[in-house]
Amino acid sequence: MEQFKWDASDHPAYSPGLATSDFHLLTELKNRLGGQNFQKNEEIQSNVNARLTSLVGTFFEEGIRNFVHRCDKCLNLHGDYVEK
């Protein structure tokens, strides 16, 4: 880490207050596929695959940007998840 001049954080590697970027994805799938009835697992898989394939790169970029912002905010608050 010193070689790259990176700083280490005392913050734990797993933080329940920080949602990973996959939650961004799950909300999208819930909104798109929620309320539908599927008879077979293959139908669900096909619909999920079709939706994921149709998403543009900016959707994933936004999810990553939001995650980086949450991590940065948490680190700046020294591990507190809620500003006091």
PDB file of N, CA and C in Angstrom:
ATOM      1  N   MET A   1       0.824  -1.185   0.000  1.00  0.00           N
ATOM      2  CA  MET A   1       0.000   0.000   0.000  1.00  0.00           C
ATOM      3  C   MET A   1       0.870   1.251   0.000  1.00  0.00           C
ATOM      4  N   GLU A   2       1.969   1.172   0.695  1.00  0.00           N
ATOM      5  CA  GLU A   2       2.867   2.324   0.724  1.00  0.00           C
ATOM      6  C   GLU A   2       3.410   2.633  -0.670  1.00  0.00           C
ATOM      7  N   GLN A   3       3.681   1.602  -1.429  1.00  0.00           N
ATOM      8  CA  GLN A   3       4.204   1.771  -2.782  1.00  0.00           C
ATOM      9  C   GLN A   3       3.273   2.631  -3.628  1.00  0.00           C
ATOM     10  N   PHE A   4       1.970   2.476  -3.444  1.00  0.00           N
ATOM     11  CA  PHE A   4       0.986   3.234  -4.215  1.00  0.00           C
ATOM     12  C   PHE A   4       0.511   4.492  -3.489  1.00  0.00           C
ATOM     13  N   LYS A   5       1.069   4.723  -2.300  1.00  0.00           N
ATOM     14  CA  LYS A   5       0.710   5.872  -1.473  1.00  0.00           C
ATOM     15  C   LYS A   5      -0.786   5.879  -1.110  1.00  0.00           C
ATOM     16  N   TRP A   6      -1.294   4.678  -0.804  1.00  0.00           N
ATOM     17  CA  TRP A   6      -2.670   4.538  -0.382  1.00  0.00           C
ATOM     18  C   TRP A   6      -2.731   4.595   1.135  1.00  0.00           C
ATOM     19  N   ASP A   7      -3.810   5.133   1.660  1.00  0.00           N
ATOM     20  CA  ASP A   7      -4.045   5.156   3.100  1.00  0.00           C
ATOM     21  C   ASP A   7      -4.920   3.967   3.482  1.00  0.00           C
ATOM     22  N   ALA A   8      -4.640   3.394   4.614  1.00  0.00           N
ATOM     23  CA  ALA A   8      -5.478   2.302   5.128  1.00  0.00           C
ATOM     24  C   ALA A   8      -6.517   2.885   6.070  1.00  0.00           C
ATOM     25  N   SER A   9      -7.669   2.277   6.074  1.00  0.00           N
ATOM     26  CA  SER A   9      -8.746   2.704   6.955  1.00  0.00           C
ATOM     27  C   SER A   9      -8.920   1.690   8.072  1.00  0.00           C
ATOM     28  N   ASP A  10      -9.246   2.171   9.256  1.00  0.00           N
ATOM     29  CA  ASP A  10      -9.534   1.280  10.377  1.00  0.00           C
ATOM     30  C   ASP A  10     -10.952   0.737  10.290  1.00  0.00           C
ATOM     31  N   HIS A  11     -11.679   1.171   9.289  1.00  0.00           N
ATOM     32  CA  HIS A  11     -13.067   0.759   9.136  1.00  0.00           C
ATOM     33  C   HIS A  11     -13.131  -0.730   8.777  1.00  0.00           C
ATOM     34  N   PRO A  12     -14.061  -1.477   9.378  1.00  0.00           N
ATOM     35  CA  PRO A  12     -14.146  -2.908   9.087  1.00  0.00           C
ATOM     36  C   PRO A  12     -14.473  -3.174   7.615  1.00  0.00           C
ATOM     37  N   ALA A  13     -14.007  -4.289   7.120  1.00  0.00           N
ATOM     38  CA  ALA A  13     -14.233  -4.640   5.713  1.00  0.00           C
ATOM     39  C   ALA A  13     -15.712  -4.836   5.423  1.00  0.00           C
ATOM     40  N   TYR A  14     -16.468  -5.374   6.378  1.00  0.00           N
ATOM     41  CA  TYR A  14     -17.897  -5.565   6.185  1.00  0.00           C
ATOM     42  C   TYR A  14     -18.637  -4.551   7.041  1.00  0.00           C
ATOM     43  N   SER A  15     -19.466  -3.779   6.417  1.00  0.00           N
ATOM     44  CA  SER A  15     -20.232  -2.767   7.122  1.00  0.00           C
ATOM     45  C   SER A  15     -21.705  -2.931   6.775  1.00  0.00           C
ATOM     46  N   PRO A  16     -22.529  -3.379   7.704  1.00  0.00           N
ATOM     47  CA  PRO A  16     -23.938  -3.609   7.382  1.00  0.00           C
ATOM     48  C   PRO A  16     -24.666  -2.339   6.960  1.00  0.00           C
ATOM     49  N   GLY A  17     -24.145  -1.180   7.304  1.00  0.00           N
ATOM     50  CA  GLY A  17     -24.789   0.061   6.903  1.00  0.00           C
ATOM     51  C   GLY A  17     -24.519   0.456   5.472  1.00  0.00           C
ATOM     52  N   LEU A  18     -23.632  -0.250   4.821  1.00  0.00           N
ATOM     53  CA  LEU A  18     -23.311   0.060   3.428  1.00  0.00           C
ATOM     54  C   LEU A  18     -23.858  -1.046   2.542  1.00  0.00           C
ATOM     55  N   ALA A  19     -24.789  -0.683   1.704  1.00  0.00           N
ATOM     56  CA  ALA A  19     -25.336  -1.657   0.769  1.00  0.00           C
ATOM     57  C   ALA A  19     -24.427  -1.731  -0.445  1.00  0.00           C
ATOM     58  N   THR A  20     -24.167  -2.923  -0.898  1.00  0.00           N
ATOM     59  CA  THR A  20     -23.370  -3.067  -2.106  1.00  0.00           C
ATOM     60  C   THR A  20     -24.186  -2.645  -3.318  1.00  0.00           C
ATOM     61  N   SER A  21     -23.516  -2.475  -4.424  1.00  0.00           N
ATOM     62  CA  SER A  21     -24.189  -1.975  -5.613  1.00  0.00           C
ATOM     63  C   SER A  21     -25.244  -2.933  -6.157  1.00  0.00           C
ATOM     64  N   ASP A  22     -25.268  -4.187  -5.708  1.00  0.00           N
ATOM     65  CA  ASP A  22     -26.273  -5.110  -6.216  1.00  0.00           C
ATOM     66  C   ASP A  22     -27.681  -4.736  -5.753  1.00  0.00           C
ATOM     67  N   PHE A  23     -27.806  -3.966  -4.682  1.00  0.00           N
ATOM     68  CA  PHE A  23     -29.131  -3.525  -4.260  1.00  0.00           C
ATOM     69  C   PHE A  23     -29.735  -2.580  -5.290  1.00  0.00           C
ATOM     70  N   HIS A  24     -28.914  -1.835  -5.951  1.00  0.00           N
ATOM     71  CA  HIS A  24     -29.341  -0.975  -7.055  1.00  0.00           C
ATOM     72  C   HIS A  24     -29.982  -1.843  -8.140  1.00  0.00           C
ATOM     73  N   LEU A  25     -29.372  -2.957  -8.395  1.00  0.00           N
ATOM     74  CA  LEU A  25     -29.854  -3.884  -9.411  1.00  0.00           C
ATOM     75  C   LEU A  25     -31.146  -4.567  -8.974  1.00  0.00           C
ATOM     76  N   LEU A  26     -31.209  -4.999  -7.716  1.00  0.00           N
ATOM     77  CA  LEU A  26     -32.388  -5.725  -7.240  1.00  0.00           C
ATOM     78  C   LEU A  26     -33.638  -4.856  -7.271  1.00  0.00           C
ATOM     79  N   THR A  27     -33.497  -3.580  -6.963  1.00  0.00           N
ATOM     80  CA  THR A  27     -34.649  -2.673  -7.021  1.00  0.00           C
ATOM     81  C   THR A  27     -35.171  -2.586  -8.443  1.00  0.00           C
ATOM     82  N   GLU A  28     -34.267  -2.484  -9.405  1.00  0.00           N
ATOM     83  CA  GLU A  28     -34.657  -2.435 -10.817  1.00  0.00           C
ATOM     84  C   GLU A  28     -35.413  -3.690 -11.228  1.00  0.00           C
ATOM     85  N   LEU A  29     -34.903  -4.848 -10.843  1.00  0.00           N
ATOM     86  CA  LEU A  29     -35.572  -6.104 -11.197  1.00  0.00           C
ATOM     87  C   LEU A  29     -36.937  -6.212 -10.514  1.00  0.00           C
ATOM     88  N   LYS A  30     -37.016  -5.783  -9.283  1.00  0.00           N
ATOM     89  CA  LYS A  30     -38.299  -5.827  -8.562  1.00  0.00           C
ATOM     90  C   LYS A  30     -39.328  -4.936  -9.250  1.00  0.00           C
ATOM     91  N   ASN A  31     -38.919  -3.737  -9.623  1.00  0.00           N
ATOM     92  CA  ASN A  31     -39.840  -2.820 -10.289  1.00  0.00           C
ATOM     93  C   ASN A  31     -40.277  -3.350 -11.648  1.00  0.00           C
ATOM     94  N   ARG A  32     -39.383  -3.980 -12.349  1.00  0.00           N
ATOM     95  CA  ARG A  32     -39.677  -4.467 -13.698  1.00  0.00           C
ATOM     96  C   ARG A  32     -40.473  -5.775 -13.689  1.00  0.00           C
ATOM     97  N   LEU A  33     -40.133  -6.676 -12.778  1.00  0.00           N
ATOM     98  CA  LEU A  33     -40.717  -8.019 -12.809  1.00  0.00           C
ATOM     99  C   LEU A  33     -41.739  -8.263 -11.701  1.00  0.00           C
ATOM    100  N   GLY A  34     -41.836  -7.335 -10.750  1.00  0.00           N
ATOM    101  CA  GLY A  34     -42.758  -7.510  -9.633  1.00  0.00           C
ATOM    102  C   GLY A  34     -44.203  -7.618 -10.086  1.00  0.00           C
ATOM    103  N   GLY A  35     -44.950  -8.448  -9.422  1.00  0.00           N
ATOM    104  CA  GLY A  35     -46.367  -8.611  -9.720  1.00  0.00           C
ATOM    105  C   GLY A  35     -46.652  -9.597 -10.836  1.00  0.00           C
ATOM    106  N   GLN A  36     -45.616 -10.075 -11.494  1.00  0.00           N
ATOM    107  CA  GLN A  36     -45.814 -11.059 -12.558  1.00  0.00           C
ATOM    108  C   GLN A  36     -45.826 -12.463 -11.960  1.00  0.00           C
ATOM    109  N   ASN A  37     -46.533 -13.349 -12.619  1.00  0.00           N
ATOM    110  CA  ASN A  37     -46.571 -14.747 -12.194  1.00  0.00           C
ATOM    111  C   ASN A  37     -45.800 -15.589 -13.196  1.00  0.00           C
ATOM    112  N   PHE A  38     -44.930 -16.430 -12.689  1.00  0.00           N
ATOM    113  CA  PHE A  38     -44.143 -17.310 -13.533  1.00  0.00           C
ATOM    114  C   PHE A  38     -44.455 -18.746 -13.138  1.00  0.00           C
ATOM    115  N   GLN A  39     -44.605 -19.595 -14.136  1.00  0.00           N
ATOM    116  CA  GLN A  39     -44.953 -20.990 -13.894  1.00  0.00           C
ATOM    117  C   GLN A  39     -43.724 -21.867 -13.672  1.00  0.00           C
ATOM    118  N   LYS A  40     -42.620 -21.478 -14.274  1.00  0.00           N
ATOM    119  CA  LYS A  40     -41.416 -22.309 -14.194  1.00  0.00           C
ATOM    120  C   LYS A  40     -40.207 -21.430 -13.894  1.00  0.00           C
ATOM    121  N   ASN A  41     -39.201 -22.031 -13.264  1.00  0.00           N
ATOM    122  CA  ASN A  41     -37.957 -21.314 -12.979  1.00  0.00           C
ATOM    123  C   ASN A  41     -37.316 -20.774 -14.251  1.00  0.00           C
ATOM    124  N   GLU A  42     -37.450 -21.521 -15.341  1.00  0.00           N
ATOM    125  CA  GLU A  42     -36.867 -21.094 -16.612  1.00  0.00           C
ATOM    126  C   GLU A  42     -37.463 -19.773 -17.081  1.00  0.00           C
ATOM    127  N   GLU A  43     -38.755 -19.563 -16.816  1.00  0.00           N
ATOM    128  CA  GLU A  43     -39.403 -18.304 -17.190  1.00  0.00           C
ATOM    129  C   GLU A  43     -38.801 -17.131 -16.408  1.00  0.00           C
ATOM    130  N   ILE A  44     -38.588 -17.351 -15.135  1.00  0.00           N
ATOM    131  CA  ILE A  44     -37.981 -16.311 -14.298  1.00  0.00           C
ATOM    132  C   ILE A  44     -36.579 -16.012 -14.803  1.00  0.00           C
ATOM    133  N   GLN A  45     -35.790 -17.044 -15.017  1.00  0.00           N
ATOM    134  CA  GLN A  45     -34.415 -16.864 -15.491  1.00  0.00           C
ATOM    135  C   GLN A  45     -34.386 -16.135 -16.822  1.00  0.00           C
ATOM    136  N   SER A  46     -35.271 -16.496 -17.711  1.00  0.00           N
ATOM    137  CA  SER A  46     -35.324 -15.856 -19.027  1.00  0.00           C
ATOM    138  C   SER A  46     -35.662 -14.375 -18.911  1.00  0.00           C
ATOM    139  N   ASN A  47     -36.634 -14.043 -18.059  1.00  0.00           N
ATOM    140  CA  ASN A  47     -37.036 -12.649 -17.880  1.00  0.00           C
ATOM    141  C   ASN A  47     -35.945 -11.831 -17.206  1.00  0.00           C
ATOM    142  N   VAL A  48     -35.290 -12.404 -16.211  1.00  0.00           N
ATOM    143  CA  VAL A  48     -34.195 -11.701 -15.533  1.00  0.00           C
ATOM    144  C   VAL A  48     -33.043 -11.480 -16.509  1.00  0.00           C
ATOM    145  N   ASN A  49     -32.684 -12.508 -17.248  1.00  0.00           N
ATOM    146  CA  ASN A  49     -31.606 -12.367 -18.225  1.00  0.00           C
ATOM    147  C   ASN A  49     -31.927 -11.318 -19.276  1.00  0.00           C
ATOM    148  N   ALA A  50     -33.165 -11.301 -19.752  1.00  0.00           N
ATOM    149  CA  ALA A  50     -33.568 -10.315 -20.765  1.00  0.00           C
ATOM    150  C   ALA A  50     -33.474  -8.904 -20.197  1.00  0.00           C
ATOM    151  N   ARG A  51     -33.901  -8.735 -18.955  1.00  0.00           N
ATOM    152  CA  ARG A  51     -33.850  -7.398 -18.348  1.00  0.00           C
ATOM    153  C   ARG A  51     -32.412  -6.953 -18.127  1.00  0.00           C
ATOM    154  N   LEU A  52     -31.579  -7.836 -17.627  1.00  0.00           N
ATOM    155  CA  LEU A  52     -30.178  -7.480 -17.392  1.00  0.00           C
ATOM    156  C   LEU A  52     -29.475  -7.134 -18.699  1.00  0.00           C
ATOM    157  N   THR A  53     -29.778  -7.869 -19.736  1.00  0.00           N
ATOM    158  CA  THR A  53     -29.171  -7.615 -21.035  1.00  0.00           C
ATOM    159  C   THR A  53     -29.609  -6.269 -21.598  1.00  0.00           C
ATOM    160  N   SER A  54     -30.832  -5.857 -21.299  1.00  0.00           N
ATOM    161  CA  SER A  54     -31.353  -4.611 -21.860  1.00  0.00           C
ATOM    162  C   SER A  54     -30.847  -3.360 -21.128  1.00  0.00           C
ATOM    163  N   LEU A  55     -30.299  -3.527 -19.939  1.00  0.00           N
ATOM    164  CA  LEU A  55     -29.821  -2.371 -19.190  1.00  0.00           C
ATOM    165  C   LEU A  55     -28.561  -1.805 -19.826  1.00  0.00           C
ATOM    166  N   VAL A  56     -28.508  -0.495 -19.936  1.00  0.00           N
ATOM    167  CA  VAL A  56     -27.338   0.146 -20.531  1.00  0.00           C
ATOM    168  C   VAL A  56     -26.247   0.311 -19.482  1.00  0.00           C
ATOM    169  N   GLY A  57     -25.035   0.523 -19.958  1.00  0.00           N
ATOM    170  CA  GLY A  57     -23.883   0.653 -19.066  1.00  0.00           C
ATOM    171  C   GLY A  57     -24.031   1.752 -18.038  1.00  0.00           C
ATOM    172  N   THR A  58     -24.751   2.821 -18.379  1.00  0.00           N
ATOM    173  CA  THR A  58     -24.895   3.931 -17.434  1.00  0.00           C
ATOM    174  C   THR A  58     -25.654   3.509 -16.184  1.00  0.00           C
ATOM    175  N   PHE A  59     -26.534   2.529 -16.304  1.00  0.00           N
ATOM    176  CA  PHE A  59     -27.260   2.027 -15.140  1.00  0.00           C
ATOM    177  C   PHE A  59     -26.276   1.459 -14.118  1.00  0.00           C
ATOM    178  N   PHE A  60     -25.316   0.678 -14.594  1.00  0.00           N
ATOM    179  CA  PHE A  60     -24.338   0.065 -13.700  1.00  0.00           C
ATOM    180  C   PHE A  60     -23.341   1.096 -13.188  1.00  0.00           C
ATOM    181  N   GLU A  61     -22.974   2.043 -14.044  1.00  0.00           N
ATOM    182  CA  GLU A  61     -22.076   3.115 -13.624  1.00  0.00           C
ATOM    183  C   GLU A  61     -22.694   3.923 -12.485  1.00  0.00           C
ATOM    184  N   GLU A  62     -23.991   4.203 -12.590  1.00  0.00           N
ATOM    185  CA  GLU A  62     -24.687   4.952 -11.539  1.00  0.00           C
ATOM    186  C   GLU A  62     -24.676   4.178 -10.223  1.00  0.00           C
ATOM    187  N   GLY A  63     -24.910   2.879 -10.287  1.00  0.00           N
ATOM    188  CA  GLY A  63     -24.893   2.061  -9.079  1.00  0.00           C
ATOM    189  C   GLY A  63     -23.529   2.073  -8.408  1.00  0.00           C
ATOM    190  N   ILE A  64     -22.478   1.994  -9.195  1.00  0.00           N
ATOM    191  CA  ILE A  64     -21.120   2.020  -8.636  1.00  0.00           C
ATOM    192  C   ILE A  64     -20.810   3.391  -8.061  1.00  0.00           C
ATOM    193  N   ARG A  65     -21.191   4.464  -8.772  1.00  0.00           N
ATOM    194  CA  ARG A  65     -20.963   5.822  -8.254  1.00  0.00           C
ATOM    195  C   ARG A  65     -21.673   6.022  -6.912  1.00  0.00           C
ATOM    196  N   ASN A  66     -22.910   5.548  -6.814  1.00  0.00           N
ATOM    197  CA  ASN A  66     -23.652   5.676  -5.556  1.00  0.00           C
ATOM    198  C   ASN A  66     -22.971   4.905  -4.430  1.00  0.00           C
ATOM    199  N   PHE A  67     -22.461   3.728  -4.738  1.00  0.00           N
ATOM    200  CA  PHE A  67     -21.768   2.926  -3.728  1.00  0.00           C
ATOM    201  C   PHE A  67     -20.491   3.625  -3.262  1.00  0.00           C
ATOM    202  N   VAL A  68     -19.735   4.166  -4.192  1.00  0.00           N
ATOM    203  CA  VAL A  68     -18.504   4.890  -3.836  1.00  0.00           C
ATOM    204  C   VAL A  68     -18.850   6.091  -2.958  1.00  0.00           C
ATOM    205  N   HIS A  69     -19.925   6.790  -3.290  1.00  0.00           N
ATOM    206  CA  HIS A  69     -20.342   7.947  -2.483  1.00  0.00           C
ATOM    207  C   HIS A  69     -20.685   7.510  -1.056  1.00  0.00           C
ATOM    208  N   ARG A  70     -21.423   6.401  -0.906  1.00  0.00           N
ATOM    209  CA  ARG A  70     -21.779   5.917   0.436  1.00  0.00           C
ATOM    210  C   ARG A  70     -20.542   5.516   1.224  1.00  0.00           C
ATOM    211  N   CYS A  71     -19.601   4.849   0.569  1.00  0.00           N
ATOM    212  CA  CYS A  71     -18.367   4.451   1.248  1.00  0.00           C
ATOM    213  C   CYS A  71     -17.573   5.671   1.694  1.00  0.00           C
ATOM    214  N   ASP A  72     -17.459   6.637   0.806  1.00  0.00           N
ATOM    215  CA  ASP A  72     -16.728   7.859   1.122  1.00  0.00           C
ATOM    216  C   ASP A  72     -17.384   8.593   2.290  1.00  0.00           C
ATOM    217  N   LYS A  73     -18.687   8.686   2.268  1.00  0.00           N
ATOM    218  CA  LYS A  73     -19.415   9.364   3.344  1.00  0.00           C
ATOM    219  C   LYS A  73     -19.188   8.649   4.679  1.00  0.00           C
ATOM    220  N   CYS A  74     -19.246   7.320   4.655  1.00  0.00           N
ATOM    221  CA  CYS A  74     -19.035   6.534   5.875  1.00  0.00           C
ATOM    222  C   CYS A  74     -17.628   6.753   6.415  1.00  0.00           C
ATOM    223  N   LEU A  75     -16.644   6.734   5.542  1.00  0.00           N
ATOM    224  CA  LEU A  75     -15.260   6.942   5.973  1.00  0.00           C
ATOM    225  C   LEU A  75     -15.066   8.344   6.531  1.00  0.00           C
ATOM    226  N   ASN A  76     -15.674   9.333   5.898  1.00  0.00           N
ATOM    227  CA  ASN A  76     -15.550  10.709   6.377  1.00  0.00           C
ATOM    228  C   ASN A  76     -16.249  10.927   7.715  1.00  0.00           C
ATOM    229  N   LEU A  77     -17.244  10.078   7.997  1.00  0.00           N
ATOM    230  CA  LEU A  77     -17.937  10.156   9.290  1.00  0.00           C
ATOM    231  C   LEU A  77     -17.308   9.205  10.314  1.00  0.00           C
ATOM    232  N   HIS A  78     -16.154   8.657   9.969  1.00  0.00           N
ATOM    233  CA  HIS A  78     -15.380   7.769  10.848  1.00  0.00           C
ATOM    234  C   HIS A  78     -16.186   6.544  11.279  1.00  0.00           C
ATOM    235  N   GLY A  79     -16.914   5.963  10.334  1.00  0.00           N
ATOM    236  CA  GLY A  79     -17.638   4.726  10.605  1.00  0.00           C
ATOM    237  C   GLY A  79     -19.064   4.918  11.068  1.00  0.00           C
ATOM    238  N   ASP A  80     -19.462   6.147  11.387  1.00  0.00           N
ATOM    239  CA  ASP A  80     -20.860   6.392  11.751  1.00  0.00           C
ATOM    240  C   ASP A  80     -21.673   6.443  10.461  1.00  0.00           C
ATOM    241  N   TYR A  81     -22.783   5.760  10.447  1.00  0.00           N
ATOM    242  CA  TYR A  81     -23.572   5.688   9.234  1.00  0.00           C
ATOM    243  C   TYR A  81     -24.587   6.813   9.144  1.00  0.00           C
ATOM    244  N   VAL A  82     -24.841   7.447  10.227  1.00  0.00           N
ATOM    245  CA  VAL A  82     -25.810   8.531  10.255  1.00  0.00           C
ATOM    246  C   VAL A  82     -25.111   9.777  10.770  1.00  0.00           C
ATOM    247  N   GLU A  83     -25.278  10.856  10.035  1.00  0.00           N
ATOM    248  CA  GLU A  83     -24.660  12.106  10.493  1.00  0.00           C
ATOM    249  C   GLU A  83     -25.337  12.549  11.779  1.00  0.00           C
ATOM    250  N   LYS A  84     -24.532  13.051  12.711  1.00  0.00           N
ATOM    251  CA  LYS A  84     -25.068  13.473  14.012  1.00  0.00           C
ATOM    252  C   LYS A  84     -25.090  14.980  14.092  1.00  0.00           C
TER     253      LYS A  84
END
